[in-house]
């Protein structure tokens, strides 16, 4: 979907180079229907440019920063040199994800163009992108669509669409517990300490404990975000150490670098 509006100064936009001339490059803005812009040669790259086509060429897909928007003249000034490699990769990834989200919506509302436009406009009115809207729905459920202004049928369709297509982002972290017990039944005490540690769970979090080598055990946590992952990892390790110490043993927690 291509919004009918205009980008704002400071926005990063995906563009296709349409014409290269001596003083710069003309581009079409892939995310904005019918919008074109100009990258002046001074904004193509840092330093002196001998041959502009060494930097941009017709048909090339690039990411630019919006410098100025003059709606009365239908003119947009852009910069290529002000976008670093990290920004470029991140923007292209977001653009591709939004493209996938649009295709999913097209499939869900096949032969219903009016509903397709109504739903996509409603989602973009609340979220920065279609993919972000579907991702949030996949993570939190239909509550993510409560204030978007959609019908019950729309919410049901989008909830199912998100569940079937969106891969929920996760983070993985690990740490170690060194636990030992001098008791006659020390092996059993350690086993019970690890059993207690495995019980520390949270919604959407997976926890796995594996043996590394006496007295060390590795705790691996997968969660939607680092804050939740760190919390579960710390609680799990503390539970194991506390149980061991209460039964005459020793324990320490080491965070994996």
Protein backbone atom coordinates (compact mmCIF):
# COMPACT_ATOMS: atom_id res chain seq x y z
CA UNK A 1 0.00 0.00 0.00
CA UNK A 2 1.25 3.49 -0.85
CA UNK A 3 -0.04 6.31 1.40
CA UNK A 4 -1.51 9.32 -0.34
CA UNK A 5 0.15 11.77 2.07
CA UNK A 6 3.58 13.31 2.25
CA UNK A 7 6.74 12.36 4.16
CA UNK A 8 8.06 14.68 6.85
CA UNK A 9 11.54 16.25 7.02
CA UNK A 10 13.84 13.82 8.80
CA UNK A 11 11.97 10.72 7.60
CA UNK A 12 13.87 7.89 5.93
CA UNK A 13 12.24 6.80 2.67
CA UNK A 14 12.82 4.00 0.17
CA UNK A 15 13.35 5.36 -3.34
CA UNK A 16 13.98 4.15 -6.87
CA UNK A 17 16.33 6.21 -9.02
CA UNK A 18 14.45 7.27 -12.15
CA UNK A 19 16.93 9.65 -13.81
CA UNK A 20 20.53 10.65 -13.21
CA UNK A 21 21.69 14.07 -14.45
CA UNK A 22 24.83 16.16 -13.96
CA UNK A 23 23.41 18.09 -11.00
CA UNK A 24 21.80 15.20 -9.16
CA UNK A 25 19.33 12.33 -9.32
CA UNK A 26 15.56 12.22 -9.61
CA UNK A 27 13.82 9.44 -7.69
CA UNK A 28 10.35 8.08 -7.07
CA UNK A 29 9.34 7.46 -3.47
CA UNK A 30 8.24 3.83 -3.28
CA UNK A 31 6.17 4.36 -0.13
CA UNK A 32 4.25 7.43 -1.31
CA UNK A 33 1.96 7.21 -4.31
CA UNK A 34 2.97 9.54 -7.15
CA UNK A 35 5.64 11.37 -5.15
CA UNK A 36 9.02 12.21 -6.64
CA UNK A 37 12.12 13.83 -5.20
CA UNK A 38 15.53 15.21 -6.05
CA UNK A 39 18.91 14.34 -4.58
CA UNK A 40 21.19 17.27 -5.37
CA UNK A 41 24.72 16.20 -6.27
CA UNK A 42 25.95 17.76 -3.02
CA UNK A 43 23.72 15.31 -1.13
CA UNK A 44 24.70 12.19 -3.06
CA UNK A 45 28.00 11.53 -1.26
CA UNK A 46 30.52 13.26 0.95
CA UNK A 47 33.42 14.97 -0.77
CA UNK A 48 33.94 15.87 -4.40
CA UNK A 49 32.07 13.77 -6.95
CA UNK A 50 33.74 13.33 -10.36
CA UNK A 51 31.21 10.96 -11.91
CA UNK A 52 27.77 10.92 -10.30
CA UNK A 53 26.97 7.53 -11.85
CA UNK A 54 29.73 6.02 -9.71
CA UNK A 55 27.32 6.58 -6.81
CA UNK A 56 23.79 6.29 -8.24
CA UNK A 57 22.28 4.72 -11.35
CA UNK A 58 18.84 4.43 -12.95
CA UNK A 59 16.72 1.67 -11.45
CA UNK A 60 18.74 1.50 -8.22
CA UNK A 61 16.84 1.03 -4.95
CA UNK A 62 18.16 3.41 -2.28
CA UNK A 63 17.23 4.86 1.12
CA UNK A 64 17.22 8.65 1.50
CA UNK A 65 16.62 11.16 4.25
CA UNK A 66 13.95 13.79 3.62
CA UNK A 67 15.46 17.28 3.88
CA UNK A 68 12.58 19.49 2.76
CA UNK A 69 9.02 19.13 1.48
CA UNK A 70 7.36 21.85 -0.59
CA UNK A 71 3.81 20.65 -1.19
CA UNK A 72 2.82 23.70 -3.24
CA UNK A 73 5.53 22.89 -5.78
CA UNK A 74 5.22 19.12 -5.32
CA UNK A 75 8.93 19.10 -4.59
CA UNK A 76 10.90 16.95 -2.13
CA UNK A 77 14.60 17.45 -1.41
CA UNK A 78 16.45 14.32 -0.34
CA UNK A 79 19.87 13.28 0.93
CA UNK A 80 21.62 9.99 0.25
CA UNK A 81 24.83 10.78 2.09
CA UNK A 82 23.02 11.40 5.42
CA UNK A 83 21.89 7.76 5.65
CA UNK A 84 24.39 5.34 7.20
CA UNK A 85 24.57 1.62 6.44
CA UNK A 86 22.75 0.59 9.62
CA UNK A 87 19.87 2.95 8.87
CA UNK A 88 19.72 1.74 5.29
CA UNK A 89 19.50 -1.94 6.25
CA UNK A 90 16.94 -1.29 8.95
CA UNK A 91 14.73 0.81 6.66
CA UNK A 92 14.87 -1.74 3.82
CA UNK A 93 13.95 -4.48 6.28
CA UNK A 94 10.97 -2.47 7.54
CA UNK A 95 9.88 -1.72 3.97
CA UNK A 96 10.04 -5.40 2.97
CA UNK A 97 8.11 -6.40 6.10
CA UNK A 98 5.39 -3.88 5.28
CA UNK A 99 5.23 -5.26 1.77
CA UNK A 100 4.60 -8.73 3.14
CA UNK A 101 1.94 -7.41 5.50
CA UNK A 102 0.16 -5.72 2.59
CA UNK A 103 0.14 -9.00 0.62
CA UNK A 104 -1.32 -10.83 3.64
CA UNK A 105 -4.08 -8.24 3.87
CA UNK A 106 -4.76 -8.52 0.15
CA UNK A 107 -5.23 -12.27 0.55
CA UNK A 108 -7.47 -11.85 3.60
CA UNK A 109 -9.68 -9.28 1.85
CA UNK A 110 -9.57 -10.78 -1.62
CA UNK A 111 -12.18 -9.25 -3.96
CA UNK A 112 -13.05 -6.72 -1.23
CA UNK A 113 -10.97 -3.65 -2.20
CA UNK A 114 -13.09 -1.19 -0.20
CA UNK A 115 -12.67 -3.21 3.00
CA UNK A 116 -8.96 -3.66 2.25
CA UNK A 117 -8.42 0.09 1.98
CA UNK A 118 -10.61 0.82 5.01
CA UNK A 119 -8.76 -1.67 7.25
CA UNK A 120 -5.26 -0.71 6.08
CA UNK A 121 -6.02 3.00 6.56
CA UNK A 122 -7.34 2.31 10.07
CA UNK A 123 -4.21 0.34 10.98
CA UNK A 124 -1.89 3.05 9.65
CA UNK A 125 -3.86 5.63 11.59
CA UNK A 126 -2.82 3.93 14.84
CA UNK A 127 0.49 2.22 14.02
CA UNK A 128 3.52 3.39 12.08
CA UNK A 129 3.31 0.44 9.71
CA UNK A 130 1.04 -2.42 8.71
CA UNK A 131 3.57 -5.01 9.81
CA UNK A 132 3.96 -3.37 13.22
CA UNK A 133 0.19 -3.53 13.69
CA UNK A 134 0.08 -7.23 12.83
CA UNK A 135 3.17 -7.96 14.94
CA UNK A 136 1.61 -6.29 17.99
CA UNK A 137 -1.56 -8.30 17.39
CA UNK A 138 0.46 -11.52 17.27
CA UNK A 139 2.15 -10.63 20.57
CA UNK A 140 -0.74 -9.22 22.62
CA UNK A 141 -3.80 -10.61 20.83
CA UNK A 142 -6.96 -8.80 19.78
CA UNK A 143 -6.47 -6.14 22.49
CA UNK A 144 -3.95 -4.54 20.13
CA UNK A 145 -6.84 -3.70 17.78
CA UNK A 146 -9.34 -2.51 20.38
CA UNK A 147 -8.95 1.20 19.66
CA UNK A 148 -8.22 1.04 15.92
CA UNK A 149 -11.84 1.45 14.84
CA UNK A 150 -12.41 -1.93 13.22
CA UNK A 151 -15.41 -4.25 13.15
CA UNK A 152 -15.53 -7.50 15.10
CA UNK A 153 -15.14 -9.36 11.81
CA UNK A 154 -12.01 -7.34 10.98
CA UNK A 155 -10.48 -8.07 14.37
CA UNK A 156 -11.17 -11.78 13.96
CA UNK A 157 -9.60 -11.78 10.48
CA UNK A 158 -6.52 -9.82 11.57
CA UNK A 159 -5.99 -11.91 14.70
CA UNK A 160 -6.00 -15.08 12.62
CA UNK A 161 -3.80 -13.46 9.98
CA UNK A 162 -1.23 -12.40 12.58
CA UNK A 163 -1.18 -15.77 14.27
CA UNK A 164 -0.61 -17.61 10.99
CA UNK A 165 1.99 -15.32 9.44
CA UNK A 166 3.88 -13.16 11.94
CA UNK A 167 6.94 -14.56 13.63
CA UNK A 168 7.06 -13.03 17.10
CA UNK A 169 10.49 -11.47 17.75
CA UNK A 170 12.49 -12.99 20.57
CA UNK A 171 15.79 -12.55 22.39
CA UNK A 172 18.04 -15.26 23.78
CA UNK A 173 20.27 -14.87 26.85
CA UNK A 174 22.15 -17.31 29.06
CA UNK A 175 23.84 -17.55 32.42
CA UNK A 176 25.45 -20.19 34.62
CA UNK A 177 24.92 -21.48 38.12
CA UNK A 178 27.72 -23.28 39.94
CA UNK A 179 26.08 -25.43 42.60
CA UNK A 180 27.54 -28.13 44.82
CA UNK A 181 26.48 -30.08 47.89
CA UNK A 182 28.66 -31.96 50.40
CA UNK A 183 25.66 -33.97 51.64
CA UNK A 184 25.50 -37.74 51.27
CA UNK A 185 22.51 -37.26 48.98
CA UNK A 186 24.15 -34.27 47.28
CA UNK A 187 23.24 -35.43 43.77
CA UNK A 188 19.59 -35.52 44.74
CA UNK A 189 19.81 -32.09 46.38
CA UNK A 190 21.28 -30.62 43.17
CA UNK A 191 18.60 -32.28 41.07
CA UNK A 192 15.87 -30.78 43.27
CA UNK A 193 17.53 -27.34 43.14
CA UNK A 194 17.48 -27.44 39.34
CA UNK A 195 13.88 -28.64 39.37
CA UNK A 196 12.94 -25.58 41.43
CA UNK A 197 14.86 -23.35 39.01
CA UNK A 198 12.97 -24.77 36.02
CA UNK A 199 9.66 -23.78 37.60
CA UNK A 200 10.47 -20.08 37.21
CA UNK A 201 8.57 -19.21 34.06
CA UNK A 202 6.60 -16.34 32.58
CA UNK A 203 4.18 -15.88 29.72
CA UNK A 204 5.83 -16.32 26.31
CA UNK A 205 9.14 -17.33 27.93
CA UNK A 206 10.97 -20.63 27.54
CA UNK A 207 13.68 -21.76 29.93
CA UNK A 208 16.16 -24.60 29.52
CA UNK A 209 18.84 -25.84 31.91
CA UNK A 210 21.68 -28.04 30.69
CA UNK A 211 24.70 -29.65 32.33
CA UNK A 212 28.04 -28.09 31.38
CA UNK A 213 30.45 -29.84 33.73
CA UNK A 214 30.55 -30.14 37.51
CA UNK A 215 29.60 -27.93 39.24
CA UNK A 216 28.30 -25.78 36.37
CA UNK A 217 24.85 -25.68 34.74
CA UNK A 218 23.75 -23.39 31.92
CA UNK A 219 20.40 -21.57 32.04
CA UNK A 220 19.12 -20.47 28.63
CA UNK A 221 16.12 -18.14 28.33
CA UNK A 222 14.13 -17.13 25.25
CA UNK A 223 11.70 -14.22 25.71
CA UNK A 224 9.97 -11.42 23.75
CA UNK A 225 12.32 -8.77 25.18
CA UNK A 226 15.52 -8.41 27.20
CA UNK A 227 13.81 -7.08 30.32
CA UNK A 228 11.62 -10.15 30.69
CA UNK A 229 14.46 -12.49 29.74
CA UNK A 230 16.81 -10.98 32.34
CA UNK A 231 14.12 -11.18 35.02
CA UNK A 232 13.40 -14.86 34.43
CA UNK A 233 17.10 -15.75 34.17
CA UNK A 234 17.92 -14.01 37.45
CA UNK A 235 14.96 -15.53 39.32
CA UNK A 236 15.76 -19.01 38.07
CA UNK A 237 19.41 -18.79 39.07
CA UNK A 238 18.59 -17.28 42.47
CA UNK A 239 16.08 -20.06 43.14
CA UNK A 240 18.68 -22.77 42.48
CA UNK A 241 21.33 -21.05 44.61
CA UNK A 242 18.89 -20.41 47.47
CA UNK A 243 17.74 -24.05 47.55
CA UNK A 244 21.33 -25.34 47.56
CA UNK A 245 22.38 -22.99 50.35
CA UNK A 246 19.34 -23.90 52.45
CA UNK A 247 20.45 -27.53 52.24
CA UNK A 248 24.08 -26.97 53.23
CA UNK A 249 25.58 -26.51 49.79
CA UNK A 250 27.13 -23.63 47.88
CA UNK A 251 25.98 -21.78 44.79
CA UNK A 252 26.90 -18.80 42.62
CA UNK A 253 25.37 -17.18 39.54
CA UNK A 254 27.47 -16.10 36.57
CA UNK A 255 26.00 -14.04 33.70
CA UNK A 256 27.19 -15.13 30.27
CA UNK A 257 29.08 -12.36 28.52
